[in-house]
Amino acid sequence: MMISANVVSASPLREPAYENIALAEINLTLKMASIGLQFEFAKESGKMIARVTNVESGEVIRQVPSEEVVRLLKALGKLQTVLMHQTIWNKWCDFRSKSRNRLVNQTI
């Protein structure tokens, strides 16, 4: 089995270099023992992904969390970013409007 250290990417601060080295060593050991197990670090979700595979064909038999959950976490991460940007924009517009009103009231 092989452990990939390059999965989904989102938060580069969550995956130090030593984690990549550790995953590579674990995957190499599993591969040498003919064990069909892979580990990956999903950067965007911040989760570890484990896959059980057929050693001969490489086919994924089971994945935890499932591919659907990984895609959902990725989409939720993007949605969270959009909502955060929208909130910041709304607060900026509100602040600007209040500042403009104060300036108009002071000049009258």
N, C-alpha and C. Protein backbone atom coordinates (compact mmCIF):
# COMPACT_ATOMS: atom_id res chain seq x y z
N MET A 1 0.81 -1.16 0.00
CA MET A 1 0.00 0.00 0.00
C MET A 1 0.87 1.24 0.00
N MET A 2 0.34 2.31 -0.49
CA MET A 2 1.11 3.54 -0.55
C MET A 2 0.32 4.66 0.09
N ILE A 3 0.97 5.50 0.85
CA ILE A 3 0.32 6.65 1.47
C ILE A 3 0.71 7.88 0.69
N SER A 4 -0.29 8.59 0.21
CA SER A 4 -0.03 9.81 -0.54
C SER A 4 -0.12 10.98 0.40
N ALA A 5 0.79 11.90 0.28
CA ALA A 5 0.78 13.08 1.11
C ALA A 5 0.25 14.29 0.34
N ASN A 6 -0.28 14.06 -0.86
CA ASN A 6 -0.78 15.16 -1.65
C ASN A 6 -2.23 14.92 -2.03
N VAL A 7 -3.13 15.19 -1.11
CA VAL A 7 -4.55 14.96 -1.38
C VAL A 7 -5.19 16.30 -1.70
N VAL A 8 -6.31 16.55 -1.06
CA VAL A 8 -7.07 17.76 -1.24
C VAL A 8 -6.34 18.90 -0.56
N SER A 9 -6.32 20.08 -1.18
CA SER A 9 -5.57 21.16 -0.57
C SER A 9 -6.48 22.32 -0.20
N ALA A 10 -6.23 22.91 0.97
CA ALA A 10 -6.99 24.08 1.38
C ALA A 10 -6.26 24.87 2.41
N SER A 11 -5.85 24.25 3.47
CA SER A 11 -5.16 25.00 4.51
C SER A 11 -3.73 24.51 4.62
N PRO A 12 -2.79 25.15 3.93
CA PRO A 12 -1.40 24.70 3.90
C PRO A 12 -0.74 24.75 5.26
N LEU A 13 -1.32 25.44 6.23
CA LEU A 13 -0.72 25.53 7.55
C LEU A 13 -0.92 24.26 8.36
N ARG A 14 -1.83 23.37 7.91
CA ARG A 14 -2.18 22.19 8.68
C ARG A 14 -1.28 21.00 8.41
N GLU A 15 -0.39 21.05 7.42
CA GLU A 15 0.37 19.87 7.04
C GLU A 15 1.86 20.15 7.04
N PRO A 16 2.51 20.05 8.19
CA PRO A 16 3.97 20.26 8.24
C PRO A 16 4.71 19.19 7.47
N ALA A 17 5.95 19.46 7.11
CA ALA A 17 6.75 18.53 6.30
C ALA A 17 6.94 17.19 6.99
N TYR A 18 7.06 17.18 8.32
CA TYR A 18 7.29 15.91 9.01
C TYR A 18 6.10 14.97 8.87
N GLU A 19 4.88 15.50 8.68
CA GLU A 19 3.72 14.64 8.46
C GLU A 19 3.84 13.94 7.11
N ASN A 20 4.34 14.65 6.10
CA ASN A 20 4.54 14.05 4.78
C ASN A 20 5.53 12.90 4.87
N ILE A 21 6.61 13.11 5.60
CA ILE A 21 7.64 12.08 5.76
C ILE A 21 7.07 10.87 6.50
N ALA A 22 6.32 11.12 7.57
CA ALA A 22 5.74 10.03 8.34
C ALA A 22 4.77 9.22 7.50
N LEU A 23 3.91 9.90 6.71
CA LEU A 23 2.97 9.20 5.84
C LEU A 23 3.70 8.37 4.80
N ALA A 24 4.74 8.92 4.23
CA ALA A 24 5.52 8.18 3.22
C ALA A 24 6.14 6.93 3.82
N GLU A 25 6.67 7.05 5.04
CA GLU A 25 7.28 5.88 5.69
C GLU A 25 6.25 4.82 6.01
N ILE A 26 5.10 5.22 6.50
CA ILE A 26 4.02 4.26 6.81
C ILE A 26 3.58 3.56 5.54
N ASN A 27 3.36 4.32 4.47
CA ASN A 27 2.92 3.73 3.20
C ASN A 27 3.95 2.75 2.64
N LEU A 28 5.22 3.11 2.73
CA LEU A 28 6.27 2.23 2.24
C LEU A 28 6.30 0.92 3.01
N THR A 29 6.16 1.01 4.33
CA THR A 29 6.14 -0.19 5.17
C THR A 29 4.96 -1.08 4.81
N LEU A 30 3.78 -0.48 4.65
CA LEU A 30 2.59 -1.25 4.29
C LEU A 30 2.74 -1.89 2.91
N LYS A 31 3.34 -1.14 1.98
CA LYS A 31 3.54 -1.67 0.63
C LYS A 31 4.48 -2.87 0.65
N MET A 32 5.56 -2.77 1.41
CA MET A 32 6.52 -3.87 1.50
C MET A 32 5.89 -5.10 2.14
N ALA A 33 4.91 -4.90 3.02
CA ALA A 33 4.24 -6.02 3.67
C ALA A 33 3.04 -6.50 2.87
N SER A 34 2.81 -5.93 1.68
CA SER A 34 1.68 -6.28 0.80
C SER A 34 0.34 -6.07 1.50
N ILE A 35 0.26 -5.03 2.29
CA ILE A 35 -0.99 -4.69 2.96
C ILE A 35 -1.68 -3.60 2.16
N GLY A 36 -2.93 -3.82 1.79
CA GLY A 36 -3.67 -2.87 0.96
C GLY A 36 -4.30 -1.76 1.77
N LEU A 37 -3.48 -0.88 2.30
CA LEU A 37 -3.97 0.23 3.11
C LEU A 37 -3.19 1.48 2.74
N GLN A 38 -3.91 2.57 2.49
CA GLN A 38 -3.29 3.85 2.15
C GLN A 38 -3.78 4.92 3.10
N PHE A 39 -2.91 5.87 3.42
CA PHE A 39 -3.29 7.02 4.23
C PHE A 39 -2.96 8.29 3.47
N GLU A 40 -3.86 9.25 3.54
CA GLU A 40 -3.64 10.55 2.91
C GLU A 40 -4.14 11.63 3.86
N PHE A 41 -3.53 12.80 3.77
CA PHE A 41 -3.97 13.93 4.56
C PHE A 41 -4.71 14.88 3.63
N ALA A 42 -6.00 15.09 3.89
CA ALA A 42 -6.81 16.01 3.08
C ALA A 42 -6.63 17.41 3.64
N LYS A 43 -5.88 18.23 2.94
CA LYS A 43 -5.56 19.56 3.43
C LYS A 43 -6.81 20.42 3.62
N GLU A 44 -7.73 20.38 2.67
CA GLU A 44 -8.91 21.25 2.73
C GLU A 44 -9.81 20.94 3.91
N SER A 45 -9.96 19.67 4.23
CA SER A 45 -10.83 19.31 5.35
C SER A 45 -10.06 19.14 6.64
N GLY A 46 -8.74 19.03 6.53
CA GLY A 46 -7.93 18.81 7.72
C GLY A 46 -8.10 17.41 8.29
N LYS A 47 -8.54 16.48 7.47
CA LYS A 47 -8.81 15.12 7.92
C LYS A 47 -7.84 14.13 7.29
N MET A 48 -7.62 13.04 7.99
CA MET A 48 -6.83 11.93 7.48
C MET A 48 -7.80 11.00 6.74
N ILE A 49 -7.39 10.52 5.58
CA ILE A 49 -8.21 9.60 4.79
C ILE A 49 -7.51 8.25 4.77
N ALA A 50 -8.26 7.20 5.06
CA ALA A 50 -7.72 5.84 5.02
C ALA A 50 -8.47 5.07 3.93
N ARG A 51 -7.71 4.33 3.12
CA ARG A 51 -8.31 3.52 2.06
C ARG A 51 -7.81 2.09 2.16
N VAL A 52 -8.73 1.16 2.03
CA VAL A 52 -8.39 -0.26 1.92
C VAL A 52 -8.48 -0.58 0.44
N THR A 53 -7.39 -1.13 -0.11
CA THR A 53 -7.35 -1.40 -1.54
C THR A 53 -7.00 -2.85 -1.83
N ASN A 54 -7.36 -3.29 -3.02
CA ASN A 54 -6.96 -4.60 -3.51
C ASN A 54 -5.50 -4.48 -3.91
N VAL A 55 -4.62 -5.25 -3.29
CA VAL A 55 -3.19 -5.15 -3.52
C VAL A 55 -2.84 -5.42 -4.98
N GLU A 56 -3.50 -6.38 -5.60
CA GLU A 56 -3.18 -6.76 -6.96
C GLU A 56 -3.67 -5.75 -7.99
N SER A 57 -4.93 -5.30 -7.85
CA SER A 57 -5.51 -4.41 -8.86
C SER A 57 -5.39 -2.93 -8.50
N GLY A 58 -5.20 -2.63 -7.21
CA GLY A 58 -5.15 -1.25 -6.77
C GLY A 58 -6.52 -0.63 -6.57
N GLU A 59 -7.58 -1.40 -6.80
CA GLU A 59 -8.95 -0.92 -6.66
C GLU A 59 -9.24 -0.58 -5.20
N VAL A 60 -9.93 0.55 -5.00
CA VAL A 60 -10.30 0.96 -3.65
C VAL A 60 -11.53 0.16 -3.23
N ILE A 61 -11.38 -0.58 -2.13
CA ILE A 61 -12.47 -1.40 -1.60
C ILE A 61 -13.32 -0.58 -0.63
N ARG A 62 -12.66 0.19 0.21
CA ARG A 62 -13.34 1.00 1.23
C ARG A 62 -12.49 2.22 1.54
N GLN A 63 -13.17 3.34 1.77
CA GLN A 63 -12.48 4.58 2.13
C GLN A 63 -13.19 5.22 3.32
N VAL A 64 -12.41 5.70 4.27
CA VAL A 64 -12.96 6.38 5.45
C VAL A 64 -12.23 7.70 5.62
N PRO A 65 -12.89 8.84 5.65
CA PRO A 65 -14.30 9.02 5.31
C PRO A 65 -14.52 8.78 3.81
N SER A 66 -15.76 8.54 3.43
CA SER A 66 -16.06 8.21 2.04
C SER A 66 -15.75 9.39 1.12
N GLU A 67 -15.65 9.09 -0.17
CA GLU A 67 -15.36 10.13 -1.18
C GLU A 67 -16.45 11.20 -1.17
N GLU A 68 -17.69 10.79 -0.92
CA GLU A 68 -18.79 11.75 -0.87
C GLU A 68 -18.60 12.73 0.29
N VAL A 69 -18.18 12.22 1.44
CA VAL A 69 -17.95 13.08 2.60
C VAL A 69 -16.78 14.03 2.33
N VAL A 70 -15.74 13.54 1.68
CA VAL A 70 -14.58 14.38 1.35
C VAL A 70 -15.02 15.51 0.43
N ARG A 71 -15.83 15.20 -0.59
CA ARG A 71 -16.33 16.24 -1.51
C ARG A 71 -17.22 17.23 -0.77
N LEU A 72 -18.07 16.72 0.13
CA LEU A 72 -18.95 17.59 0.91
C LEU A 72 -18.16 18.53 1.81
N LEU A 73 -17.13 18.01 2.47
CA LEU A 73 -16.29 18.86 3.32
C LEU A 73 -15.57 19.93 2.50
N LYS A 74 -15.15 19.56 1.31
CA LYS A 74 -14.49 20.52 0.42
C LYS A 74 -15.47 21.63 0.03
N ALA A 75 -16.69 21.24 -0.35
CA ALA A 75 -17.71 22.22 -0.73
C ALA A 75 -18.09 23.11 0.44
N LEU A 76 -18.21 22.54 1.63
CA LEU A 76 -18.54 23.33 2.81
C LEU A 76 -17.43 24.32 3.14
N GLY A 77 -16.19 23.92 2.93
CA GLY A 77 -15.06 24.83 3.14
C GLY A 77 -15.13 26.02 2.20
N LYS A 78 -15.48 25.77 0.93
CA LYS A 78 -15.62 26.85 -0.03
C LYS A 78 -16.79 27.76 0.34
N LEU A 79 -17.91 27.15 0.76
CA LEU A 79 -19.07 27.93 1.17
C LEU A 79 -18.74 28.80 2.37
N GLN A 80 -18.02 28.26 3.31
CA GLN A 80 -17.62 29.02 4.50
C GLN A 80 -16.80 30.25 4.09
N THR A 81 -15.90 30.08 3.14
CA THR A 81 -15.08 31.19 2.66
C THR A 81 -15.95 32.26 2.00
N VAL A 82 -16.90 31.84 1.17
CA VAL A 82 -17.80 32.79 0.51
C VAL A 82 -18.62 33.55 1.54
N LEU A 83 -19.16 32.84 2.52
CA LEU A 83 -19.97 33.49 3.55
C LEU A 83 -19.14 34.47 4.37
N MET A 84 -17.91 34.11 4.66
CA MET A 84 -17.03 35.00 5.42
C MET A 84 -16.76 36.28 4.63
N HIS A 85 -16.47 36.14 3.34
CA HIS A 85 -16.22 37.31 2.50
C HIS A 85 -17.46 38.18 2.40
N GLN A 86 -18.63 37.56 2.28
CA GLN A 86 -19.89 38.31 2.19
C GLN A 86 -20.14 39.07 3.49
N THR A 87 -19.87 38.45 4.63
CA THR A 87 -20.05 39.11 5.92
C THR A 87 -19.11 40.31 6.05
N ILE A 88 -17.87 40.13 5.66
CA ILE A 88 -16.91 41.24 5.72
C ILE A 88 -17.35 42.37 4.82
N TRP A 89 -17.81 42.05 3.62
CA TRP A 89 -18.28 43.07 2.68
C TRP A 89 -19.48 43.83 3.25
N ASN A 90 -20.44 43.09 3.82
CA ASN A 90 -21.63 43.73 4.40
C ASN A 90 -21.25 44.66 5.54
N LYS A 91 -20.34 44.23 6.40
CA LYS A 91 -19.91 45.07 7.51
C LYS A 91 -19.20 46.32 7.01
N TRP A 92 -18.39 46.16 5.97
CA TRP A 92 -17.69 47.31 5.40
C TRP A 92 -18.69 48.32 4.83
N CYS A 93 -19.67 47.82 4.09
CA CYS A 93 -20.69 48.71 3.51
C CYS A 93 -21.48 49.41 4.60
N ASP A 94 -21.83 48.70 5.64
CA ASP A 94 -22.56 49.28 6.77
C ASP A 94 -21.73 50.36 7.46
N PHE A 95 -20.47 50.07 7.70
CA PHE A 95 -19.56 51.03 8.33
C PHE A 95 -19.43 52.29 7.47
N ARG A 96 -19.26 52.08 6.18
CA ARG A 96 -19.11 53.20 5.24
C ARG A 96 -20.36 54.07 5.22
N SER A 97 -21.51 53.43 5.22
CA SER A 97 -22.78 54.16 5.22
C SER A 97 -22.94 54.99 6.50
N LYS A 98 -22.63 54.38 7.65
CA LYS A 98 -22.74 55.10 8.92
C LYS A 98 -21.74 56.25 8.99
N SER A 99 -20.55 56.03 8.47
CA SER A 99 -19.54 57.09 8.48
C SER A 99 -19.98 58.25 7.61
N ARG A 100 -20.57 57.95 6.48
CA ARG A 100 -21.05 58.99 5.56
C ARG A 100 -22.17 59.79 6.22
N ASN A 101 -23.08 59.09 6.90
CA ASN A 101 -24.20 59.77 7.58
C ASN A 101 -23.69 60.69 8.69
N ARG A 102 -22.70 60.23 9.44
CA ARG A 102 -22.12 61.06 10.49
C ARG A 102 -21.49 62.32 9.91
N LEU A 103 -20.80 62.16 8.82
CA LEU A 103 -20.14 63.29 8.18
C LEU A 103 -21.18 64.31 7.69
N VAL A 104 -22.26 63.84 7.10
CA VAL A 104 -23.32 64.72 6.61
C VAL A 104 -23.97 65.44 7.79
N ASN A 105 -24.24 64.71 8.88
CA ASN A 105 -24.88 65.34 10.06
C ASN A 105 -23.96 66.38 10.71
N GLN A 106 -22.67 66.16 10.67
CA GLN A 106 -21.74 67.12 11.29
C GLN A 106 -21.62 68.39 10.47
N THR A 107 -21.79 68.29 9.16
CA THR A 107 -21.63 69.47 8.31
C THR A 107 -22.92 70.31 8.27
N ILE A 108 -24.03 69.75 8.67
CA ILE A 108 -25.30 70.51 8.63
C ILE A 108 -25.45 71.42 9.78
